C-alpha atoms as a PDB file:
ATOM      1  CA  MET A   1       0.026   0.299   0.302  1.00  0.00           C
ATOM      2  CA  LYS A   2       1.486   3.309  -1.550  1.00  0.00           C
ATOM      3  CA  ARG A   3       2.295   5.479   2.129  1.00  0.00           C
ATOM      4  CA  THR A   4       2.020   9.778   1.215  1.00  0.00           C
ATOM      5  CA  LYS A   5       5.393  11.041   2.817  1.00  0.00           C
ATOM      6  CA  TRP A   6       5.110  13.222   6.236  1.00  0.00           C
ATOM      7  CA  PHE A   7       6.951  15.966   4.655  1.00  0.00           C
ATOM      8  CA  ASP A   8       4.249  15.672   1.475  1.00  0.00           C
ATOM      9  CA  ARG A   9       1.113  15.555   3.458  1.00  0.00           C
ATOM     10  CA  GLN A  10      -1.234  18.516   4.037  1.00  0.00           C
ATOM     11  CA  PHE A  11      -2.942  19.947   6.851  1.00  0.00           C
ATOM     12  CA  PRO A  12      -5.887  21.953   5.837  1.00  0.00           C
ATOM     13  CA  ARG A  13      -7.375  24.035   8.877  1.00  0.00           C
ATOM     14  CA  ILE A  14     -10.124  22.999  11.288  1.00  0.00           C
ATOM     15  CA  HIS A  15     -12.668  25.072  11.799  1.00  0.00           C
ATOM     16  CA  ASP A  16     -14.678  23.077  14.624  1.00  0.00           C
ATOM     17  CA  ASN A  17     -13.671  24.212  17.996  1.00  0.00           C
ATOM     18  CA  GLY A  18     -16.069  21.431  19.100  1.00  0.00           C
ATOM     19  CA  LEU A  19     -13.653  18.289  17.439  1.00  0.00           C
ATOM     20  CA  MET A  20     -10.857  19.582  20.150  1.00  0.00           C
ATOM     21  CA  PRO A  21     -12.680  16.571  23.052  1.00  0.00           C
ATOM     22  CA  GLY A  22     -12.169  14.326  20.575  1.00  0.00           C
ATOM     23  CA  LEU A  23      -8.515  14.709  19.656  1.00  0.00           C
ATOM     24  CA  ILE A  24      -7.217  14.288  22.884  1.00  0.00           C
ATOM     25  CA  GLU A  25      -8.769  11.632  23.516  1.00  0.00           C
ATOM     26  CA  ARG A  26      -6.664  10.063  20.238  1.00  0.00           C
ATOM     27  CA  LEU A  27      -3.320  12.073  22.014  1.00  0.00           C
ATOM     28  CA  GLU A  28      -4.025  10.416  25.370  1.00  0.00           C
ATOM     29  CA  GLY A  29      -4.851   6.697  23.784  1.00  0.00           C
ATOM     30  CA  THR A  30      -1.850   6.378  21.732  1.00  0.00           C
ATOM     31  CA  PRO A  31       0.522   5.243  24.930  1.00  0.00           C
ATOM     32  CA  ALA A  32      -2.000   2.674  24.806  1.00  0.00           C
ATOM     33  CA  ARG A  33      -2.286   1.685  21.225  1.00  0.00           C
ATOM     34  CA  LEU A  34       1.719   2.117  21.075  1.00  0.00           C
ATOM     35  CA  LEU A  35       1.327  -0.583  24.252  1.00  0.00           C
ATOM     36  CA  ASN A  36      -1.304  -2.978  21.768  1.00  0.00           C
ATOM     37  CA  LYS A  37       0.835  -2.913  19.026  1.00  0.00           C
ATOM     38  CA  LEU A  38       4.180  -3.976  21.152  1.00  0.00           C
ATOM     39  CA  ARG A  39       2.641  -6.756  22.973  1.00  0.00           C
ATOM     40  CA  ILE A  40       3.108  -9.332  20.439  1.00  0.00           C
ATOM     41  CA  ALA A  41       6.702  -7.382  19.531  1.00  0.00           C
ATOM     42  CA  PRO A  42      10.093 -10.121  21.259  1.00  0.00           C
ATOM     43  CA  GLU A  43      11.954  -7.336  22.640  1.00  0.00           C
ATOM     44  CA  PHE A  44      14.877  -8.510  20.782  1.00  0.00           C
ATOM     45  CA  VAL A  45      13.553  -7.165  17.526  1.00  0.00           C
ATOM     46  CA  SER A  46      14.529  -3.563  17.437  1.00  0.00           C
ATOM     47  CA  GLN A  47      16.477  -3.177  14.483  1.00  0.00           C
ATOM     48  CA  SER A  48      15.001  -0.938  11.139  1.00  0.00           C
ATOM     49  CA  GLY A  49      14.044  -2.714   8.192  1.00  0.00           C
ATOM     50  CA  SER A  50      15.350  -2.689   4.731  1.00  0.00           C
ATOM     51  CA  GLY A  51      15.110   0.943   3.322  1.00  0.00           C
ATOM     52  CA  HIS A  52      13.864   1.736   6.800  1.00  0.00           C
ATOM     53  CA  PRO A  53      16.139   3.991   9.456  1.00  0.00           C
ATOM     54  CA  TRP A  54      14.962   3.527  12.491  1.00  0.00           C
ATOM     55  CA  SER A  55      14.306   0.456  14.087  1.00  0.00           C
ATOM     56  CA  LEU A  56      10.663  -0.246  16.674  1.00  0.00           C
ATOM     57  CA  LYS A  57      12.719   1.553  19.771  1.00  0.00           C
ATOM     58  CA  LYS A  58      13.301   4.238  17.626  1.00  0.00           C
ATOM     59  CA  GLU A  59      10.105   4.883  15.912  1.00  0.00           C
ATOM     60  CA  ILE A  60       8.902   5.466  19.533  1.00  0.00           C
ATOM     61  CA  GLY A  61      12.316   7.556  20.962  1.00  0.00           C
ATOM     62  CA  HIS A  62      11.254   9.478  17.688  1.00  0.00           C
ATOM     63  CA  LEU A  63       7.647  10.190  19.692  1.00  0.00           C
ATOM     64  CA  ILE A  64       9.382  10.907  23.193  1.00  0.00           C
ATOM     65  CA  ASP A  65      11.960  13.720  20.922  1.00  0.00           C
ATOM     66  CA  LEU A  66       8.217  15.391  20.158  1.00  0.00           C
ATOM     67  CA  GLU A  67       6.769  16.214  22.604  1.00  0.00           C
ATOM     68  CA  PRO A  68       8.692  18.977  23.713  1.00  0.00           C
ATOM     69  CA  LEU A  69       8.344  20.695  20.615  1.00  0.00           C
ATOM     70  CA  TRP A  70       4.691  19.975  20.074  1.00  0.00           C
ATOM     71  CA  TYR A  71       4.507  21.517  24.084  1.00  0.00           C
ATOM     72  CA  GLU A  72       5.995  24.997  22.991  1.00  0.00           C
ATOM     73  CA  ARG A  73       4.169  25.151  20.229  1.00  0.00           C
ATOM     74  CA  LEU A  74       0.982  24.505  22.303  1.00  0.00           C
ATOM     75  CA  ASN A  75       1.845  26.920  24.751  1.00  0.00           C
ATOM     76  CA  GLU A  76       3.046  29.239  21.800  1.00  0.00           C
ATOM     77  CA  ILE A  77      -0.355  29.707  20.294  1.00  0.00           C
ATOM     78  CA  ARG A  78      -1.658  30.032  23.954  1.00  0.00           C
ATOM     79  CA  ARG A  79      -0.030  32.951  23.954  1.00  0.00           C
ATOM     80  CA  GLY A  80      -0.814  34.362  20.274  1.00  0.00           C
ATOM     81  CA  GLU A  81       3.289  34.224  18.735  1.00  0.00           C
ATOM     82  CA  LYS A  82       2.811  34.838  15.936  1.00  0.00           C
ATOM     83  CA  GLU A  83       5.130  32.050  14.680  1.00  0.00           C
ATOM     84  CA  LEU A  84       5.876  28.182  15.375  1.00  0.00           C
ATOM     85  CA  LEU A  85       8.692  27.616  17.330  1.00  0.00           C
ATOM     86  CA  ALA A  86      10.936  25.208  13.945  1.00  0.00           C
ATOM     87  CA  ALA A  87      11.757  21.478  14.074  1.00  0.00           C
ATOM     88  CA  ASP A  88      14.707  19.955  13.860  1.00  0.00           C
ATOM     89  CA  LEU A  89      13.859  18.284  10.131  1.00  0.00           C
ATOM     90  CA  THR A  90      17.155  16.452  10.732  1.00  0.00           C
ATOM     91  CA  ASN A  91      15.724  14.923  13.140  1.00  0.00           C
ATOM     92  CA  ARG A  92      18.830  14.734  14.929  1.00  0.00           C
ATOM     93  CA  LYS A  93      17.632  13.573  18.638  1.00  0.00           C
ATOM     94  CA  THR A  94      16.585  10.692  17.763  1.00  0.00           C
ATOM     95  CA  PHE A  95      19.358  10.170  15.482  1.00  0.00           C
ATOM     96  CA  GLU A  96      21.565  10.366  18.589  1.00  0.00           C
ATOM     97  CA  THR A  97      19.884   9.579  21.581  1.00  0.00           C
ATOM     98  CA  ALA A  98      19.877   5.449  21.973  1.00  0.00           C
ATOM     99  CA  HIS A  99      16.769   4.456  22.081  1.00  0.00           C
ATOM    100  CA  ASP A 100      17.484   1.417  21.061  1.00  0.00           C
ATOM    101  CA  ALA A 101      19.397   0.190  24.490  1.00  0.00           C
ATOM    102  CA  SER A 102      16.240   0.911  26.296  1.00  0.00           C
ATOM    103  CA  SER A 103      12.886  -1.395  26.463  1.00  0.00           C
ATOM    104  CA  PHE A 104       9.841  -1.256  24.882  1.00  0.00           C
ATOM    105  CA  GLU A 105       7.994  -1.017  28.669  1.00  0.00           C
ATOM    106  CA  ASN A 106      10.557   2.406  29.459  1.00  0.00           C
ATOM    107  CA  LEU A 107      10.580   3.802  26.479  1.00  0.00           C
ATOM    108  CA  VAL A 108       6.550   3.615  26.377  1.00  0.00           C
ATOM    109  CA  GLU A 109       6.014   4.812  30.188  1.00  0.00           C
ATOM    110  CA  ASP A 110       8.630   7.591  29.353  1.00  0.00           C
ATOM    111  CA  PHE A 111       6.461   8.488  26.102  1.00  0.00           C
ATOM    112  CA  SER A 112       3.110   8.074  28.430  1.00  0.00           C
ATOM    113  CA  VAL A 113       4.762  10.951  30.992  1.00  0.00           C
ATOM    114  CA  GLU A 114       5.277  12.983  28.403  1.00  0.00           C
ATOM    115  CA  ARG A 115       2.356  13.025  26.219  1.00  0.00           C
ATOM    116  CA  SER A 116       0.431  13.590  29.781  1.00  0.00           C
ATOM    117  CA  LYS A 117       1.640  17.158  30.004  1.00  0.00           C
ATOM    118  CA  LEU A 118       1.021  17.852  26.801  1.00  0.00           C
ATOM    119  CA  VAL A 119      -2.932  16.181  27.053  1.00  0.00           C
ATOM    120  CA  SER A 120      -3.056  18.638  30.076  1.00  0.00           C
ATOM    121  CA  LEU A 121      -1.720  21.321  28.335  1.00  0.00           C
ATOM    122  CA  PHE A 122      -4.816  20.696  26.009  1.00  0.00           C
ATOM    123  CA  ARG A 123      -7.378  19.726  28.020  1.00  0.00           C
ATOM    124  CA  GLY A 124      -6.725  23.614  30.202  1.00  0.00           C
ATOM    125  CA  LEU A 125      -7.171  25.566  27.356  1.00  0.00           C
ATOM    126  CA  THR A 126      -9.444  28.625  27.755  1.00  0.00           C
ATOM    127  CA  GLU A 127     -12.304  29.576  24.649  1.00  0.00           C
ATOM    128  CA  GLU A 128     -10.013  32.491  23.658  1.00  0.00           C
ATOM    129  CA  GLU A 129      -6.867  31.005  23.422  1.00  0.00           C
ATOM    130  CA  MET A 130      -8.452  27.879  21.429  1.00  0.00           C
ATOM    131  CA  GLU A 131      -9.000  30.908  18.812  1.00  0.00           C
ATOM    132  CA  ASN A 132      -5.255  31.739  18.849  1.00  0.00           C
ATOM    133  CA  ILE A 133      -3.729  32.045  15.648  1.00  0.00           C
ATOM    134  CA  SER A 134       0.306  30.849  14.870  1.00  0.00           C
ATOM    135  CA  VAL A 135       2.022  29.966  11.467  1.00  0.00           C
ATOM    136  CA  HIS A 136       3.785  26.668  11.360  1.00  0.00           C
ATOM    137  CA  PRO A 137       7.209  27.060  10.077  1.00  0.00           C
ATOM    138  CA  ARG A 138       7.619  24.798   7.232  1.00  0.00           C
ATOM    139  CA  LEU A 139       4.008  24.118   6.152  1.00  0.00           C
ATOM    140  CA  LYS A 140       3.328  28.225   6.366  1.00  0.00           C
ATOM    141  CA  THR A 141      -0.098  27.957   6.879  1.00  0.00           C
ATOM    142  CA  ASN A 142      -2.115  29.245   9.931  1.00  0.00           C
ATOM    143  CA  MET A 143      -2.747  26.903  13.047  1.00  0.00           C
ATOM    144  CA  ARG A 144      -4.894  27.467  15.677  1.00  0.00           C
ATOM    145  CA  ALA A 145      -4.929  24.802  18.875  1.00  0.00           C
ATOM    146  CA  ILE A 146      -7.760  22.206  17.417  1.00  0.00           C
ATOM    147  CA  ASP A 147      -4.742  22.183  14.525  1.00  0.00           C
ATOM    148  CA  LEU A 148      -2.194  21.205  16.432  1.00  0.00           C
ATOM    149  CA  ALA A 149      -4.228  18.224  17.892  1.00  0.00           C
ATOM    150  CA  TRP A 150      -4.581  17.390  14.567  1.00  0.00           C
ATOM    151  CA  PHE A 151      -0.618  17.710  14.083  1.00  0.00           C
ATOM    152  CA  VAL A 152       0.915  15.254  16.393  1.00  0.00           C
ATOM    153  CA  ALA A 153      -1.876  13.144  16.198  1.00  0.00           C
ATOM    154  CA  GLU A 154      -1.745  12.034  12.663  1.00  0.00           C
ATOM    155  CA  HIS A 155       2.527  12.542  13.238  1.00  0.00           C
ATOM    156  CA  ASP A 156       1.736   9.626  15.871  1.00  0.00           C
ATOM    157  CA  ASP A 157      -0.230   7.955  13.405  1.00  0.00           C
ATOM    158  CA  HIS A 158       2.413   8.002  10.910  1.00  0.00           C
ATOM    159  CA  HIS A 159       4.653   6.291  13.306  1.00  0.00           C
ATOM    160  CA  LEU A 160       2.497   3.854  14.197  1.00  0.00           C
ATOM    161  CA  ALA A 161       1.926   2.712  10.633  1.00  0.00           C
ATOM    162  CA  GLN A 162       5.268   2.869   9.898  1.00  0.00           C
ATOM    163  CA  MET A 163       6.570   0.455  13.040  1.00  0.00           C
ATOM    164  CA  GLN A 164       3.057  -1.847  11.759  1.00  0.00           C
ATOM    165  CA  LEU A 165       5.454  -2.123   8.099  1.00  0.00           C
ATOM    166  CA  LEU A 166       8.787  -2.480  10.489  1.00  0.00           C
ATOM    167  CA  MET A 167       6.633  -5.673  12.367  1.00  0.00           C
ATOM    168  CA  GLU A 168       5.246  -6.955   8.984  1.00  0.00           C
ATOM    169  CA  GLU A 169       8.232  -6.791   7.694  1.00  0.00           C
ATOM    170  CA  ALA A 170       9.757  -9.240  10.521  1.00  0.00           C
ATOM    171  CA  GLY A 171       6.756 -11.355  10.490  1.00  0.00           C
ATOM    172  CA  LEU A 172       5.391 -10.198  13.415  1.00  0.00           C
ATOM    173  CA  SER A 173       1.749  -9.523  12.304  1.00  0.00           C
END
Protein backbone atom coordinates (compact mmCIF):
# COMPACT_ATOMS: atom_id res chain seq x y z
CA MET A 1 0.00 0.00 0.00
CA LYS A 2 1.37 3.39 -0.98
CA ARG A 3 2.11 5.77 1.90
CA THR A 4 2.41 9.52 1.53
CA LYS A 5 5.69 10.80 2.94
CA TRP A 6 5.29 12.97 6.04
CA PHE A 7 6.80 16.05 4.42
CA ASP A 8 4.45 15.67 1.44
CA ARG A 9 1.35 15.80 3.65
CA GLN A 10 -1.08 18.70 3.56
CA PHE A 11 -2.90 19.84 6.69
CA PRO A 12 -6.02 21.87 5.98
CA ARG A 13 -7.34 23.94 8.86
CA ILE A 14 -10.02 22.57 11.12
CA HIS A 15 -12.75 25.12 11.75
CA ASP A 16 -14.79 23.32 14.42
CA ASN A 17 -13.25 23.63 17.88
CA GLY A 18 -15.92 21.20 19.04
CA LEU A 19 -13.76 18.41 17.62
CA MET A 20 -11.08 19.05 20.25
CA PRO A 21 -12.38 16.58 22.89
CA GLY A 22 -12.13 13.72 20.38
CA LEU A 23 -8.65 14.76 19.32
CA ILE A 24 -7.53 14.94 22.94
CA GLU A 25 -8.80 11.38 23.44
CA ARG A 26 -6.87 10.29 20.37
CA LEU A 27 -3.68 11.94 21.68
CA GLU A 28 -4.15 10.49 25.15
CA GLY A 29 -4.70 7.02 23.67
CA THR A 30 -1.43 6.82 21.74
CA PRO A 31 0.54 5.19 24.60
CA ALA A 32 -2.11 2.47 24.93
CA ARG A 33 -2.06 1.95 21.17
CA LEU A 34 1.73 1.59 21.33
CA LEU A 35 1.46 -1.02 24.09
CA ASN A 36 -1.15 -2.94 22.13
CA LYS A 37 1.02 -2.92 19.02
CA LEU A 38 4.12 -4.04 20.93
CA ARG A 39 2.45 -6.90 22.81
CA ILE A 40 3.44 -9.23 19.96
CA ALA A 41 6.91 -7.76 19.36
CA PRO A 42 9.67 -9.59 21.18
CA GLU A 43 12.23 -7.34 22.85
CA PHE A 44 14.98 -8.50 20.51
CA VAL A 45 13.20 -7.05 17.47
CA SER A 46 14.93 -3.72 17.56
CA GLN A 47 16.70 -3.44 14.24
CA SER A 48 15.31 -1.42 11.41
CA GLY A 49 13.88 -3.03 8.32
CA SER A 50 15.34 -2.89 4.85
CA GLY A 51 15.41 0.67 3.69
CA HIS A 52 14.16 2.01 7.04
CA PRO A 53 16.45 4.22 9.09
CA TRP A 54 14.77 3.53 12.45
CA SER A 55 13.91 0.50 14.52
CA LEU A 56 10.67 0.04 16.46
CA LYS A 57 12.40 1.53 19.50
CA LYS A 58 13.69 4.52 17.53
CA GLU A 59 10.16 5.13 16.27
CA ILE A 60 8.91 5.33 19.88
CA GLY A 61 11.93 7.39 20.83
CA HIS A 62 11.13 9.83 18.05
CA LEU A 63 7.65 10.32 19.50
CA ILE A 64 9.26 11.04 22.89
CA ASP A 65 11.77 13.41 21.31
CA LEU A 66 9.05 15.54 19.74
CA GLU A 67 6.84 15.99 22.81
CA PRO A 68 8.72 19.13 23.97
CA LEU A 69 8.22 20.66 20.50
CA TRP A 70 4.45 20.04 20.63
CA TYR A 71 4.30 21.43 24.16
CA GLU A 72 6.20 24.57 23.18
CA ARG A 73 4.13 25.10 20.04
CA LEU A 74 0.90 24.84 22.01
CA ASN A 75 2.20 27.38 24.51
CA GLU A 76 3.15 29.67 21.62
CA ILE A 77 -0.39 29.44 20.26
CA ARG A 78 -1.79 30.10 23.74
CA ARG A 79 0.37 33.24 23.98
CA GLY A 80 -0.67 34.36 20.49
CA GLU A 81 2.85 34.34 19.07
CA LYS A 82 3.15 35.06 15.38
CA GLU A 83 5.14 31.96 14.33
CA LEU A 84 5.66 28.57 15.90
CA LEU A 85 9.01 27.10 16.86
CA ALA A 86 10.65 25.33 13.92
CA ALA A 87 11.33 21.61 14.19
CA ASP A 88 14.73 20.07 13.54
CA LEU A 89 13.87 18.52 10.19
CA THR A 90 16.97 16.28 10.35
CA ASN A 91 15.64 14.57 13.51
CA ARG A 92 19.13 14.73 14.92
CA LYS A 93 18.03 13.95 18.47
CA THR A 94 16.35 10.71 17.41
CA PHE A 95 19.38 9.57 15.43
CA GLU A 96 21.79 10.45 18.26
CA THR A 97 19.83 9.09 21.22
CA ALA A 98 20.35 5.44 22.18
CA HIS A 99 16.65 4.57 22.18
CA ASP A 100 17.49 1.00 21.12
CA ALA A 101 19.21 0.46 24.49
CA SER A 102 15.90 1.00 26.34
CA SER A 103 13.15 -1.56 26.79
CA PHE A 104 9.83 -1.17 25.03
CA GLU A 105 8.23 -0.82 28.47
CA ASN A 106 10.51 2.06 29.51
CA LEU A 107 10.10 3.84 26.19
CA VAL A 108 6.31 3.66 26.32
CA GLU A 109 6.32 4.76 29.96
CA ASP A 110 8.55 7.75 29.12
CA PHE A 111 6.29 8.64 26.21
CA SER A 112 3.19 8.29 28.38
CA VAL A 113 4.61 10.68 30.99
CA GLU A 114 5.50 13.26 28.36
CA ARG A 115 2.21 12.89 26.51
CA SER A 116 0.21 13.39 29.71
CA LYS A 117 1.78 16.86 29.99
CA LEU A 118 0.61 17.76 26.49
CA VAL A 119 -2.88 16.35 27.04
CA SER A 120 -3.19 18.32 30.26
CA LEU A 121 -2.22 21.51 28.45
CA PHE A 122 -4.77 20.86 25.69
CA ARG A 123 -7.48 20.17 28.27
CA GLY A 124 -6.69 23.43 30.05
CA LEU A 125 -7.16 25.68 27.02
CA THR A 126 -9.60 28.56 27.39
CA GLU A 127 -12.08 29.40 24.64
CA GLU A 128 -10.03 32.52 23.91
CA GLU A 129 -6.78 30.55 23.59
CA MET A 130 -8.54 28.15 21.23
CA GLU A 131 -9.05 31.06 18.80
CA ASN A 132 -5.40 32.22 18.78
CA ILE A 133 -3.54 31.72 15.52
CA SER A 134 0.18 31.17 14.83
CA VAL A 135 1.96 30.31 11.59
CA HIS A 136 3.49 26.86 11.18
CA PRO A 137 7.11 27.53 10.08
CA ARG A 138 7.44 24.77 7.47
CA LEU A 139 3.89 24.64 6.12
CA LYS A 140 3.45 28.44 6.19
CA THR A 141 -0.18 27.93 7.20
CA ASN A 142 -2.15 29.32 10.10
CA MET A 143 -2.64 26.97 13.03
CA ARG A 144 -4.92 27.11 16.02
CA ALA A 145 -4.74 24.68 18.93
CA ILE A 146 -7.21 22.35 17.19
CA ASP A 147 -4.99 22.26 14.10
CA LEU A 148 -1.95 21.44 16.21
CA ALA A 149 -3.83 18.67 18.01
CA TRP A 150 -4.78 17.12 14.66
CA PHE A 151 -1.21 17.55 13.34
CA VAL A 152 0.23 15.76 16.38
CA ALA A 153 -2.37 12.97 16.20
CA GLU A 154 -1.59 12.47 12.51
CA HIS A 155 2.14 12.41 13.32
CA ASP A 156 1.49 9.71 15.94
CA ASP A 157 -0.47 7.67 13.40
CA HIS A 158 2.25 8.13 10.77
CA HIS A 159 4.78 6.53 13.11
CA LEU A 160 2.41 3.83 14.33
CA ALA A 161 1.89 2.87 10.67
CA GLN A 162 5.66 2.81 10.17
CA MET A 163 5.98 0.51 13.17
CA GLN A 164 3.32 -1.76 11.68
CA LEU A 165 5.33 -1.96 8.46
CA LEU A 166 8.48 -2.88 10.40
CA MET A 167 6.59 -5.54 12.30
CA GLU A 168 5.11 -7.00 9.11
CA GLU A 169 8.61 -7.15 7.59
CA ALA A 170 9.75 -9.05 10.71
CA GLY A 171 6.84 -11.48 10.30
CA LEU A 172 5.09 -10.28 13.46
CA SER A 173 1.62 -9.48 12.24
